[in-house]
């Protein structure tokens, strides 16, 4: 009797803990599986939905139910060329194609990462295997033969640092879990510094040409992306501490005039550099924006994941005051 009681308690506690660590999407995920850009909105941007799922998983949340419903919704909407457009819900509840992907390379990359991380190759449903193969072919067509980096869209002849870092991460995921694209990982790892690293200024260029005006996004934010993807640091590349002191203060203070969005994703860079205090500060400072037009599903993923990860540890404040 006692053994059965102990087993029951173990099962109950395990179930409760698993439920507590789920990535919860009330207001963001519809019954049909679509993941909205903003809570109770009517727009779906596949990039943000997939980045949110992958970020939530990285921060320790279970994404299985949300991811399975999402992939079942999105896979049939993949276009014949492999890409994933953005969608808008009409007044009758149906979804319509609203626009091309903002960037095909990164959206395809996130789909590859999500499928390769979520499913073992032998367990992946045939429809998703076919979708994954289409996404790979579409992504590989975006590769510039001479430079080795990836264009953001077909015919653009323009690559972005942040996009290419996400492509690198996707190729690495695909190689590690399915054995596909391993040569391409090595090729891109070699191409990234040649295309984007400025040795004189010791900074990453945000684009292969036609650099955008200097602003927090993309200039300051982009500096942290290569390290977040575990790319080898370049000589003289700024640490998170140096970045925070030189250009990260608007992010830490959540200064709306200088930020388009809260940029919770950069809190992952803080965690990777052992700056839990900075991640806590972001969590506290960004909280008032939750539920406002400045908040989207990616910010929600970071918020939930950080709250879980930081809940059990003491809060060190002194470093931020130094």
C-alpha atoms as a PDB file:
ATOM      1  CA  UNK A   1       0.000   0.000   0.000  1.00  0.00           C
ATOM      2  CA  UNK A   2       2.790   2.411   0.961  1.00  0.00           C
ATOM      3  CA  UNK A   3       4.683   1.656  -2.241  1.00  0.00           C
ATOM      4  CA  UNK A   4       1.582   2.374  -4.308  1.00  0.00           C
ATOM      5  CA  UNK A   5       1.033   5.646  -2.425  1.00  0.00           C
ATOM      6  CA  UNK A   6       4.624   6.734  -3.026  1.00  0.00           C
ATOM      7  CA  UNK A   7       4.306   5.911  -6.698  1.00  0.00           C
ATOM      8  CA  UNK A   8       1.068   7.899  -6.924  1.00  0.00           C
ATOM      9  CA  UNK A   9       2.669  10.903  -5.241  1.00  0.00           C
ATOM     10  CA  UNK A  10       5.650  10.699  -7.572  1.00  0.00           C
ATOM     11  CA  UNK A  11       3.425  10.590 -10.621  1.00  0.00           C
ATOM     12  CA  UNK A  12       1.290  13.459  -9.385  1.00  0.00           C
ATOM     13  CA  UNK A  13       4.268  15.639  -8.521  1.00  0.00           C
ATOM     14  CA  UNK A  14       5.963  14.863 -11.831  1.00  0.00           C
ATOM     15  CA  UNK A  15       2.819  15.740 -13.767  1.00  0.00           C
ATOM     16  CA  UNK A  16       2.374  18.949 -11.792  1.00  0.00           C
ATOM     17  CA  UNK A  17       5.979  20.011 -12.394  1.00  0.00           C
ATOM     18  CA  UNK A  18       5.751  19.255 -16.109  1.00  0.00           C
ATOM     19  CA  UNK A  19       2.539  21.283 -16.363  1.00  0.00           C
ATOM     20  CA  UNK A  20       4.138  24.172 -14.460  1.00  0.00           C
ATOM     21  CA  UNK A  21       7.028  24.310 -16.953  1.00  0.00           C
ATOM     22  CA  UNK A  22       4.925  24.356 -20.117  1.00  0.00           C
ATOM     23  CA  UNK A  23       5.256  27.301 -22.477  1.00  0.00           C
ATOM     24  CA  UNK A  24       1.770  28.719 -22.028  1.00  0.00           C
ATOM     25  CA  UNK A  25       0.238  30.692 -24.880  1.00  0.00           C
ATOM     26  CA  UNK A  26      -3.225  31.867 -23.845  1.00  0.00           C
ATOM     27  CA  UNK A  27      -4.233  34.651 -26.171  1.00  0.00           C
ATOM     28  CA  UNK A  28      -1.350  33.820 -28.503  1.00  0.00           C
ATOM     29  CA  UNK A  29      -2.207  30.359 -29.834  1.00  0.00           C
ATOM     30  CA  UNK A  30      -5.588  29.699 -31.442  1.00  0.00           C
ATOM     31  CA  UNK A  31      -7.439  26.434 -31.212  1.00  0.00           C
ATOM     32  CA  UNK A  32      -6.385  25.640 -34.776  1.00  0.00           C
ATOM     33  CA  UNK A  33      -2.692  25.871 -33.761  1.00  0.00           C
ATOM     34  CA  UNK A  34      -1.861  29.270 -35.264  1.00  0.00           C
ATOM     35  CA  UNK A  35       0.489  31.332 -33.095  1.00  0.00           C
ATOM     36  CA  UNK A  36      -0.321  35.034 -33.225  1.00  0.00           C
ATOM     37  CA  UNK A  37       2.270  37.774 -33.325  1.00  0.00           C
ATOM     38  CA  UNK A  38       0.497  39.640 -30.524  1.00  0.00           C
ATOM     39  CA  UNK A  39      -1.996  38.449 -27.939  1.00  0.00           C
ATOM     40  CA  UNK A  40      -5.576  38.366 -29.273  1.00  0.00           C
ATOM     41  CA  UNK A  41      -4.361  39.794 -32.569  1.00  0.00           C
ATOM     42  CA  UNK A  42      -5.072  38.691 -36.112  1.00  0.00           C
ATOM     43  CA  UNK A  43      -1.595  38.452 -37.632  1.00  0.00           C
ATOM     44  CA  UNK A  44       0.758  35.485 -37.840  1.00  0.00           C
ATOM     45  CA  UNK A  45       4.423  35.999 -38.603  1.00  0.00           C
ATOM     46  CA  UNK A  46       6.003  32.517 -38.740  1.00  0.00           C
ATOM     47  CA  UNK A  47       9.439  33.915 -37.889  1.00  0.00           C
ATOM     48  CA  UNK A  48       8.318  35.263 -34.517  1.00  0.00           C
ATOM     49  CA  UNK A  49       6.269  32.171 -33.689  1.00  0.00           C
ATOM     50  CA  UNK A  50       9.180  29.825 -34.324  1.00  0.00           C
ATOM     51  CA  UNK A  51      11.751  32.053 -32.639  1.00  0.00           C
ATOM     52  CA  UNK A  52       9.476  32.147 -29.582  1.00  0.00           C
ATOM     53  CA  UNK A  53       9.184  28.355 -29.457  1.00  0.00           C
ATOM     54  CA  UNK A  54      12.916  27.798 -29.821  1.00  0.00           C
ATOM     55  CA  UNK A  55      13.737  30.487 -27.248  1.00  0.00           C
ATOM     56  CA  UNK A  56      11.244  29.082 -24.749  1.00  0.00           C
ATOM     57  CA  UNK A  57      12.827  25.658 -25.138  1.00  0.00           C
ATOM     58  CA  UNK A  58      16.326  27.080 -24.643  1.00  0.00           C
ATOM     59  CA  UNK A  59      15.180  28.680 -21.398  1.00  0.00           C
ATOM     60  CA  UNK A  60      13.816  25.387 -20.060  1.00  0.00           C
ATOM     61  CA  UNK A  61      10.129  25.487 -20.966  1.00  0.00           C
ATOM     62  CA  UNK A  62       8.399  22.504 -22.556  1.00  0.00           C
ATOM     63  CA  UNK A  63       7.182  23.462 -26.018  1.00  0.00           C
ATOM     64  CA  UNK A  64       5.896  20.080 -27.242  1.00  0.00           C
ATOM     65  CA  UNK A  65       2.116  20.727 -27.225  1.00  0.00           C
ATOM     66  CA  UNK A  66       2.426  24.233 -28.668  1.00  0.00           C
ATOM     67  CA  UNK A  67       5.000  23.192 -31.268  1.00  0.00           C
ATOM     68  CA  UNK A  68       3.027  20.181 -32.457  1.00  0.00           C
ATOM     69  CA  UNK A  69      -0.131  22.251 -32.922  1.00  0.00           C
ATOM     70  CA  UNK A  70       1.857  24.971 -34.665  1.00  0.00           C
ATOM     71  CA  UNK A  71       3.661  22.681 -37.119  1.00  0.00           C
ATOM     72  CA  UNK A  72       0.346  21.004 -37.994  1.00  0.00           C
ATOM     73  CA  UNK A  73      -1.076  24.463 -38.790  1.00  0.00           C
ATOM     74  CA  UNK A  74       1.890  25.881 -40.696  1.00  0.00           C
ATOM     75  CA  UNK A  75       3.160  22.920 -42.753  1.00  0.00           C
ATOM     76  CA  UNK A  76       0.143  22.838 -45.109  1.00  0.00           C
ATOM     77  CA  UNK A  77       0.612  26.583 -45.693  1.00  0.00           C
ATOM     78  CA  UNK A  78       4.197  26.262 -46.883  1.00  0.00           C
ATOM     79  CA  UNK A  79       4.424  27.603 -50.417  1.00  0.00           C
ATOM     80  CA  UNK A  80       5.570  25.565 -53.399  1.00  0.00           C
ATOM     81  CA  UNK A  81       8.946  27.337 -53.396  1.00  0.00           C
ATOM     82  CA  UNK A  82       9.465  26.287 -49.754  1.00  0.00           C
ATOM     83  CA  UNK A  83       8.919  29.674 -48.121  1.00  0.00           C
ATOM     84  CA  UNK A  84       6.497  30.724 -45.375  1.00  0.00           C
ATOM     85  CA  UNK A  85       4.583  33.981 -45.868  1.00  0.00           C
ATOM     86  CA  UNK A  86       2.862  36.058 -43.224  1.00  0.00           C
ATOM     87  CA  UNK A  87      -0.873  35.664 -42.604  1.00  0.00           C
ATOM     88  CA  UNK A  88      -3.864  37.713 -41.513  1.00  0.00           C
ATOM     89  CA  UNK A  89      -7.149  36.448 -40.098  1.00  0.00           C
ATOM     90  CA  UNK A  90     -10.207  37.746 -41.924  1.00  0.00           C
ATOM     91  CA  UNK A  91     -13.459  38.749 -40.292  1.00  0.00           C
ATOM     92  CA  UNK A  92     -14.998  35.338 -41.084  1.00  0.00           C
ATOM     93  CA  UNK A  93     -12.145  33.603 -39.247  1.00  0.00           C
ATOM     94  CA  UNK A  94     -10.327  32.312 -42.322  1.00  0.00           C
ATOM     95  CA  UNK A  95      -6.640  32.957 -42.853  1.00  0.00           C
ATOM     96  CA  UNK A  96      -5.303  34.756 -45.903  1.00  0.00           C
ATOM     97  CA  UNK A  97      -1.791  35.297 -47.160  1.00  0.00           C
ATOM     98  CA  UNK A  98      -0.888  38.853 -46.146  1.00  0.00           C
ATOM     99  CA  UNK A  99       2.731  39.312 -47.227  1.00  0.00           C
ATOM    100  CA  UNK A 100       5.975  37.563 -48.088  1.00  0.00           C
ATOM    101  CA  UNK A 101       8.239  36.585 -45.248  1.00  0.00           C
ATOM    102  CA  UNK A 102      10.176  39.573 -43.951  1.00  0.00           C
ATOM    103  CA  UNK A 103      13.320  37.488 -44.527  1.00  0.00           C
ATOM    104  CA  UNK A 104      13.164  34.108 -46.212  1.00  0.00           C
ATOM    105  CA  UNK A 105      16.583  32.953 -45.040  1.00  0.00           C
ATOM    106  CA  UNK A 106      15.925  33.302 -41.315  1.00  0.00           C
ATOM    107  CA  UNK A 107      12.329  32.045 -41.516  1.00  0.00           C
ATOM    108  CA  UNK A 108      13.413  28.921 -43.380  1.00  0.00           C
ATOM    109  CA  UNK A 109      16.275  28.490 -40.921  1.00  0.00           C
ATOM    110  CA  UNK A 110      13.962  28.561 -37.911  1.00  0.00           C
ATOM    111  CA  UNK A 111      11.646  25.975 -39.488  1.00  0.00           C
ATOM    112  CA  UNK A 112      14.639  23.697 -40.037  1.00  0.00           C
ATOM    113  CA  UNK A 113      15.791  24.212 -36.436  1.00  0.00           C
ATOM    114  CA  UNK A 114      12.327  23.629 -35.017  1.00  0.00           C
ATOM    115  CA  UNK A 115      11.686  20.399 -36.908  1.00  0.00           C
ATOM    116  CA  UNK A 116      15.151  18.987 -36.329  1.00  0.00           C
ATOM    117  CA  UNK A 117      15.040  19.772 -32.607  1.00  0.00           C
ATOM    118  CA  UNK A 118      11.450  18.705 -31.996  1.00  0.00           C
ATOM    119  CA  UNK A 119      11.443  15.367 -33.812  1.00  0.00           C
ATOM    120  CA  UNK A 120      13.917  12.570 -34.142  1.00  0.00           C
ATOM    121  CA  UNK A 121      14.376  11.752 -37.797  1.00  0.00           C
ATOM    122  CA  UNK A 122      12.641   8.389 -37.493  1.00  0.00           C
ATOM    123  CA  UNK A 123       9.695   9.913 -35.600  1.00  0.00           C
ATOM    124  CA  UNK A 124       9.068  12.870 -37.899  1.00  0.00           C
ATOM    125  CA  UNK A 125       5.728  12.529 -39.733  1.00  0.00           C
ATOM    126  CA  UNK A 126       6.157  12.069 -43.506  1.00  0.00           C
ATOM    127  CA  UNK A 127       4.457  15.387 -44.249  1.00  0.00           C
ATOM    128  CA  UNK A 128       6.958  17.208 -42.053  1.00  0.00           C
ATOM    129  CA  UNK A 129       9.873  15.307 -43.585  1.00  0.00           C
ATOM    130  CA  UNK A 130       8.735  16.528 -47.001  1.00  0.00           C
ATOM    131  CA  UNK A 131       8.326  20.075 -45.670  1.00  0.00           C
ATOM    132  CA  UNK A 132      11.798  19.983 -44.127  1.00  0.00           C
ATOM    133  CA  UNK A 133      13.286  18.862 -47.450  1.00  0.00           C
ATOM    134  CA  UNK A 134      11.546  21.747 -49.272  1.00  0.00           C
ATOM    135  CA  UNK A 135      12.822  24.233 -46.703  1.00  0.00           C
ATOM    136  CA  UNK A 136      16.387  22.954 -47.078  1.00  0.00           C
ATOM    137  CA  UNK A 137      16.253  23.288 -50.865  1.00  0.00           C
ATOM    138  CA  UNK A 138      14.778  26.779 -50.616  1.00  0.00           C
ATOM    139  CA  UNK A 139      17.424  27.893 -48.136  1.00  0.00           C
ATOM    140  CA  UNK A 140      20.319  26.482 -50.141  1.00  0.00           C
ATOM    141  CA  UNK A 141      19.139  28.400 -53.210  1.00  0.00           C
ATOM    142  CA  UNK A 142      19.701  31.618 -51.231  1.00  0.00           C
ATOM    143  CA  UNK A 143      23.425  30.958 -50.784  1.00  0.00           C
ATOM    144  CA  UNK A 144      25.764  33.338 -52.590  1.00  0.00           C
ATOM    145  CA  UNK A 145      28.306  31.105 -54.372  1.00  0.00           C
ATOM    146  CA  UNK A 146      31.216  33.548 -54.076  1.00  0.00           C
ATOM    147  CA  UNK A 147      30.848  34.889 -50.534  1.00  0.00           C
ATOM    148  CA  UNK A 148      29.217  31.806 -48.990  1.00  0.00           C
ATOM    149  CA  UNK A 149      26.627  33.813 -47.071  1.00  0.00           C
ATOM    150  CA  UNK A 150      22.859  33.674 -47.584  1.00  0.00           C
ATOM    151  CA  UNK A 151      20.663  36.344 -49.165  1.00  0.00           C
ATOM    152  CA  UNK A 152      17.608  37.377 -47.201  1.00  0.00           C
ATOM    153  CA  UNK A 153      15.412  36.718 -50.252  1.00  0.00           C
ATOM    154  CA  UNK A 154      15.797  35.300 -53.746  1.00  0.00           C
ATOM    155  CA  UNK A 155      17.544  37.738 -56.069  1.00  0.00           C
ATOM    156  CA  UNK A 156      18.302  40.256 -53.317  1.00  0.00           C
ATOM    157  CA  UNK A 157      22.107  39.893 -53.416  1.00  0.00           C
ATOM    158  CA  UNK A 158      22.064  41.151 -49.848  1.00  0.00           C
ATOM    159  CA  UNK A 159      22.866  39.231 -46.689  1.00  0.00           C
ATOM    160  CA  UNK A 160      22.279  40.273 -43.093  1.00  0.00           C
ATOM    161  CA  UNK A 161      24.459  39.278 -40.152  1.00  0.00           C
ATOM    162  CA  UNK A 162      21.604  38.363 -37.814  1.00  0.00           C
ATOM    163  CA  UNK A 163      19.885  36.277 -40.488  1.00  0.00           C
ATOM    164  CA  UNK A 164      23.079  34.430 -41.359  1.00  0.00           C
ATOM    165  CA  UNK A 165      23.767  33.665 -37.714  1.00  0.00           C
ATOM    166  CA  UNK A 166      20.318  32.062 -37.516  1.00  0.00           C
ATOM    167  CA  UNK A 167      21.049  30.114 -40.698  1.00  0.00           C
ATOM    168  CA  UNK A 168      24.292  28.911 -39.119  1.00  0.00           C
ATOM    169  CA  UNK A 169      22.426  27.723 -36.022  1.00  0.00           C
ATOM    170  CA  UNK A 170      19.837  25.928 -38.171  1.00  0.00           C
ATOM    171  CA  UNK A 171      22.451  24.163 -40.280  1.00  0.00           C
ATOM    172  CA  UNK A 172      24.214  23.091 -37.096  1.00  0.00           C
ATOM    173  CA  UNK A 173      20.945  21.742 -35.635  1.00  0.00           C
ATOM    174  CA  UNK A 174      20.176  19.908 -38.848  1.00  0.00           C
ATOM    175  CA  UNK A 175      23.661  18.416 -39.027  1.00  0.00           C
ATOM    176  CA  UNK A 176      23.647  17.290 -35.395  1.00  0.00           C
ATOM    177  CA  UNK A 177      20.185  15.730 -35.458  1.00  0.00           C
ATOM    178  CA  UNK A 178      19.674  14.511 -39.012  1.00  0.00           C
ATOM    179  CA  UNK A 179      23.146  14.475 -40.546  1.00  0.00           C
ATOM    180  CA  UNK A 180      22.121  16.946 -43.267  1.00  0.00           C
ATOM    181  CA  UNK A 181      23.981  20.121 -44.177  1.00  0.00           C
ATOM    182  CA  UNK A 182      27.174  19.402 -42.205  1.00  0.00           C
ATOM    183  CA  UNK A 183      29.464  20.701 -44.957  1.00  0.00           C
ATOM    184  CA  UNK A 184      27.355  23.845 -45.227  1.00  0.00           C
ATOM    185  CA  UNK A 185      27.825  24.560 -41.504  1.00  0.00           C
ATOM    186  CA  UNK A 186      31.576  24.632 -41.933  1.00  0.00           C
ATOM    187  CA  UNK A 187      31.325  26.743 -45.072  1.00  0.00           C
ATOM    188  CA  UNK A 188      29.156  29.361 -43.404  1.00  0.00           C
ATOM    189  CA  UNK A 189      31.299  29.448 -40.256  1.00  0.00           C
ATOM    190  CA  UNK A 190      34.241  30.394 -42.478  1.00  0.00           C
ATOM    191  CA  UNK A 191      32.244  32.861 -44.573  1.00  0.00           C
ATOM    192  CA  UNK A 192      30.679  34.874 -41.740  1.00  0.00           C
ATOM    193  CA  UNK A 193      33.839  36.689 -40.522  1.00  0.00           C
ATOM    194  CA  UNK A 194      34.953  37.433 -44.080  1.00  0.00           C
ATOM    195  CA  UNK A 195      31.615  38.999 -44.949  1.00  0.00           C
ATOM    196  CA  UNK A 196      30.719  40.771 -41.725  1.00  0.00           C
ATOM    197  CA  UNK A 197      33.682  41.270 -39.345  1.00  0.00           C
ATOM    198  CA  UNK A 198      35.430  44.656 -39.364  1.00  0.00           C
ATOM    199  CA  UNK A 199      38.921  44.120 -37.952  1.00  0.00           C
ATOM    200  CA  UNK A 200      39.699  47.860 -37.685  1.00  0.00           C
ATOM    201  CA  UNK A 201      36.651  48.735 -35.615  1.00  0.00           C
ATOM    202  CA  UNK A 202      36.387  45.297 -33.981  1.00  0.00           C
ATOM    203  CA  UNK A 203      32.696  45.197 -34.751  1.00  0.00           C
ATOM    204  CA  UNK A 204      30.320  43.118 -36.813  1.00  0.00           C
ATOM    205  CA  UNK A 205      28.830  44.731 -39.910  1.00  0.00           C
ATOM    206  CA  UNK A 206      25.074  44.300 -39.915  1.00  0.00           C
ATOM    207  CA  UNK A 207      24.771  43.787 -43.681  1.00  0.00           C
ATOM    208  CA  UNK A 208      26.950  42.718 -46.588  1.00  0.00           C
ATOM    209  CA  UNK A 209      26.252  46.082 -48.314  1.00  0.00           C
ATOM    210  CA  UNK A 210      23.941  49.101 -48.051  1.00  0.00           C
ATOM    211  CA  UNK A 211      24.395  49.417 -44.299  1.00  0.00           C
ATOM    212  CA  UNK A 212      21.307  50.760 -42.519  1.00  0.00           C
ATOM    213  CA  UNK A 213      21.466  53.922 -40.382  1.00  0.00           C
ATOM    214  CA  UNK A 214      23.121  53.502 -36.989  1.00  0.00           C
ATOM    215  CA  UNK A 215      20.532  52.735 -34.306  1.00  0.00           C
ATOM    216  CA  UNK A 216      20.077  50.264 -31.481  1.00  0.00           C
ATOM    217  CA  UNK A 217      18.500  47.906 -34.001  1.00  0.00           C
ATOM    218  CA  UNK A 218      20.222  46.541 -35.872  1.00  0.00           C
ATOM    219  CA  UNK A 219      23.632  48.009 -35.045  1.00  0.00           C
ATOM    220  CA  UNK A 220      23.884  47.446 -31.283  1.00  0.00           C
ATOM    221  CA  UNK A 221      21.659  44.369 -31.069  1.00  0.00           C
ATOM    222  CA  UNK A 222      23.493  42.557 -33.853  1.00  0.00           C
ATOM    223  CA  UNK A 223      26.823  42.631 -32.002  1.00  0.00           C
ATOM    224  CA  UNK A 224      25.571  39.956 -29.584  1.00  0.00           C
ATOM    225  CA  UNK A 225      24.086  37.514 -32.099  1.00  0.00           C
ATOM    226  CA  UNK A 226      27.277  35.664 -33.167  1.00  0.00           C
ATOM    227  CA  UNK A 227      28.219  34.817 -29.598  1.00  0.00           C
ATOM    228  CA  UNK A 228      24.650  33.765 -28.781  1.00  0.00           C
ATOM    229  CA  UNK A 229      24.988  31.190 -31.568  1.00  0.00           C
ATOM    230  CA  UNK A 230      28.305  29.955 -30.106  1.00  0.00           C
ATOM    231  CA  UNK A 231      30.362  31.183 -33.037  1.00  0.00           C
ATOM    232  CA  UNK A 232      34.055  31.526 -32.112  1.00  0.00           C
ATOM    233  CA  UNK A 233      34.749  35.082 -30.872  1.00  0.00           C
ATOM    234  CA  UNK A 234      36.796  37.328 -33.119  1.00  0.00           C
ATOM    235  CA  UNK A 235      39.954  39.079 -31.863  1.00  0.00           C
ATOM    236  CA  UNK A 236      38.885  42.124 -29.868  1.00  0.00           C
ATOM    237  CA  UNK A 237      35.180  41.283 -29.993  1.00  0.00           C
ATOM    238  CA  UNK A 238      33.407  43.006 -27.099  1.00  0.00           C
ATOM    239  CA  UNK A 239      32.221  40.955 -24.155  1.00  0.00           C
ATOM    240  CA  UNK A 240      28.675  41.355 -22.911  1.00  0.00           C
ATOM    241  CA  UNK A 241      29.998  43.550 -20.079  1.00  0.00           C
ATOM    242  CA  UNK A 242      31.751  45.861 -22.530  1.00  0.00           C
ATOM    243  CA  UNK A 243      28.695  45.949 -24.798  1.00  0.00           C
ATOM    244  CA  UNK A 244      26.441  46.825 -21.880  1.00  0.00           C
ATOM    245  CA  UNK A 245      28.658  49.708 -20.814  1.00  0.00           C
ATOM    246  CA  UNK A 246      29.171  51.123 -24.300  1.00  0.00           C
ATOM    247  CA  UNK A 247      25.785  50.735 -26.006  1.00  0.00           C
ATOM    248  CA  UNK A 248      23.507  48.488 -23.993  1.00  0.00           C
ATOM    249  CA  UNK A 249      22.219  50.903 -21.384  1.00  0.00           C
ATOM    250  CA  UNK A 250      19.055  51.849 -23.343  1.00  0.00           C
ATOM    251  CA  UNK A 251      18.219  48.138 -23.478  1.00  0.00           C
ATOM    252  CA  UNK A 252      18.838  47.632 -19.767  1.00  0.00           C
ATOM    253  CA  UNK A 253      16.786  50.695 -18.857  1.00  0.00           C
ATOM    254  CA  UNK A 254      14.097  49.838 -21.428  1.00  0.00           C
ATOM    255  CA  UNK A 255      14.168  53.344 -22.859  1.00  0.00           C
ATOM    256  CA  UNK A 256      11.196  53.439 -25.324  1.00  0.00           C
ATOM    257  CA  UNK A 257      12.490  56.318 -27.479  1.00  0.00           C
ATOM    258  CA  UNK A 258      15.585  54.281 -28.347  1.00  0.00           C
ATOM    259  CA  UNK A 259      14.030  50.801 -28.584  1.00  0.00           C
ATOM    260  CA  UNK A 260      11.476  49.590 -31.088  1.00  0.00           C
ATOM    261  CA  UNK A 261      10.696  46.547 -28.922  1.00  0.00           C
ATOM    262  CA  UNK A 262      11.901  45.337 -25.504  1.00  0.00           C
ATOM    263  CA  UNK A 263      14.458  42.986 -27.113  1.00  0.00           C
ATOM    264  CA  UNK A 264      14.200  40.293 -24.469  1.00  0.00           C
ATOM    265  CA  UNK A 265      16.224  38.006 -26.713  1.00  0.00           C
ATOM    266  CA  UNK A 266      19.364  39.852 -25.628  1.00  0.00           C
ATOM    267  CA  UNK A 267      18.818  38.609 -22.087  1.00  0.00           C
ATOM    268  CA  UNK A 268      20.022  35.244 -23.376  1.00  0.00           C
ATOM    269  CA  UNK A 269      23.361  36.874 -24.141  1.00  0.00           C
ATOM    270  CA  UNK A 270      23.455  38.129 -20.553  1.00  0.00           C
ATOM    271  CA  UNK A 271      22.827  34.622 -19.219  1.00  0.00           C
ATOM    272  CA  UNK A 272      25.507  33.132 -21.462  1.00  0.00           C
ATOM    273  CA  UNK A 273      28.025  35.607 -20.040  1.00  0.00           C
ATOM    274  CA  UNK A 274      27.042  34.941 -16.441  1.00  0.00           C
ATOM    275  CA  UNK A 275      25.187  38.250 -16.084  1.00  0.00           C
ATOM    276  CA  UNK A 276      22.081  36.948 -14.387  1.00  0.00           C
ATOM    277  CA  UNK A 277      21.753  40.341 -12.734  1.00  0.00           C
ATOM    278  CA  UNK A 278      21.281  41.985 -16.143  1.00  0.00           C
ATOM    279  CA  UNK A 279      18.707  39.363 -17.152  1.00  0.00           C
ATOM    280  CA  UNK A 280      16.823  40.043 -13.914  1.00  0.00           C
ATOM    281  CA  UNK A 281      16.947  43.758 -14.562  1.00  0.00           C
ATOM    282  CA  UNK A 282      15.464  43.255 -18.029  1.00  0.00           C
ATOM    283  CA  UNK A 283      12.714  41.083 -16.576  1.00  0.00           C
ATOM    284  CA  UNK A 284      11.822  43.789 -14.069  1.00  0.00           C
ATOM    285  CA  UNK A 285      12.130  46.778 -16.404  1.00  0.00           C
ATOM    286  CA  UNK A 286      10.280  45.169 -19.313  1.00  0.00           C
ATOM    287  CA  UNK A 287       7.338  43.901 -17.266  1.00  0.00           C
ATOM    288  CA  UNK A 288       5.228  47.086 -17.707  1.00  0.00           C
ATOM    289  CA  UNK A 289       5.290  46.585 -21.499  1.00  0.00           C
ATOM    290  CA  UNK A 290       3.704  43.142 -21.243  1.00  0.00           C
ATOM    291  CA  UNK A 291       0.352  43.183 -22.990  1.00  0.00           C
ATOM    292  CA  UNK A 292       0.994  46.491 -24.758  1.00  0.00           C
ATOM    293  CA  UNK A 293       1.480  46.953 -28.527  1.00  0.00           C
ATOM    294  CA  UNK A 294       5.265  46.812 -27.936  1.00  0.00           C
ATOM    295  CA  UNK A 295       5.005  43.198 -26.718  1.00  0.00           C
ATOM    296  CA  UNK A 296       4.929  40.175 -28.995  1.00  0.00           C
ATOM    297  CA  UNK A 297       5.060  36.390 -28.652  1.00  0.00           C
ATOM    298  CA  UNK A 298       8.873  36.350 -28.662  1.00  0.00           C
ATOM    299  CA  UNK A 299       9.023  38.761 -25.735  1.00  0.00           C
ATOM    300  CA  UNK A 300       6.454  36.560 -23.988  1.00  0.00           C
ATOM    301  CA  UNK A 301       8.662  33.497 -24.481  1.00  0.00           C
ATOM    302  CA  UNK A 302      11.666  35.265 -22.969  1.00  0.00           C
ATOM    303  CA  UNK A 303       9.580  36.598 -20.097  1.00  0.00           C
ATOM    304  CA  UNK A 304       8.143  33.192 -19.174  1.00  0.00           C
ATOM    305  CA  UNK A 305      11.464  31.408 -19.600  1.00  0.00           C
ATOM    306  CA  UNK A 306      13.446  33.907 -17.544  1.00  0.00           C
ATOM    307  CA  UNK A 307      10.826  33.913 -14.798  1.00  0.00           C
ATOM    308  CA  UNK A 308      11.181  30.135 -14.554  1.00  0.00           C
ATOM    309  CA  UNK A 309      14.967  30.078 -14.671  1.00  0.00           C
ATOM    310  CA  UNK A 310      15.527  32.933 -12.233  1.00  0.00           C
ATOM    311  CA  UNK A 311      12.787  32.045  -9.738  1.00  0.00           C
ATOM    312  CA  UNK A 312      14.951  29.850  -7.510  1.00  0.00           C
ATOM    313  CA  UNK A 313      18.094  31.989  -7.303  1.00  0.00           C
ATOM    314  CA  UNK A 314      18.976  35.006  -5.202  1.00  0.00           C
ATOM    315  CA  UNK A 315      19.021  38.394  -6.897  1.00  0.00           C
ATOM    316  CA  UNK A 316      22.467  40.050  -7.141  1.00  0.00           C
ATOM    317  CA  UNK A 317      22.115  43.784  -7.725  1.00  0.00           C
ATOM    318  CA  UNK A 318      25.566  45.185  -6.997  1.00  0.00           C
ATOM    319  CA  UNK A 319      27.119  44.595 -10.440  1.00  0.00           C
ATOM    320  CA  UNK A 320      24.628  46.834 -12.199  1.00  0.00           C
ATOM    321  CA  UNK A 321      25.579  49.680  -9.891  1.00  0.00           C
ATOM    322  CA  UNK A 322      29.304  49.422 -10.575  1.00  0.00           C
END
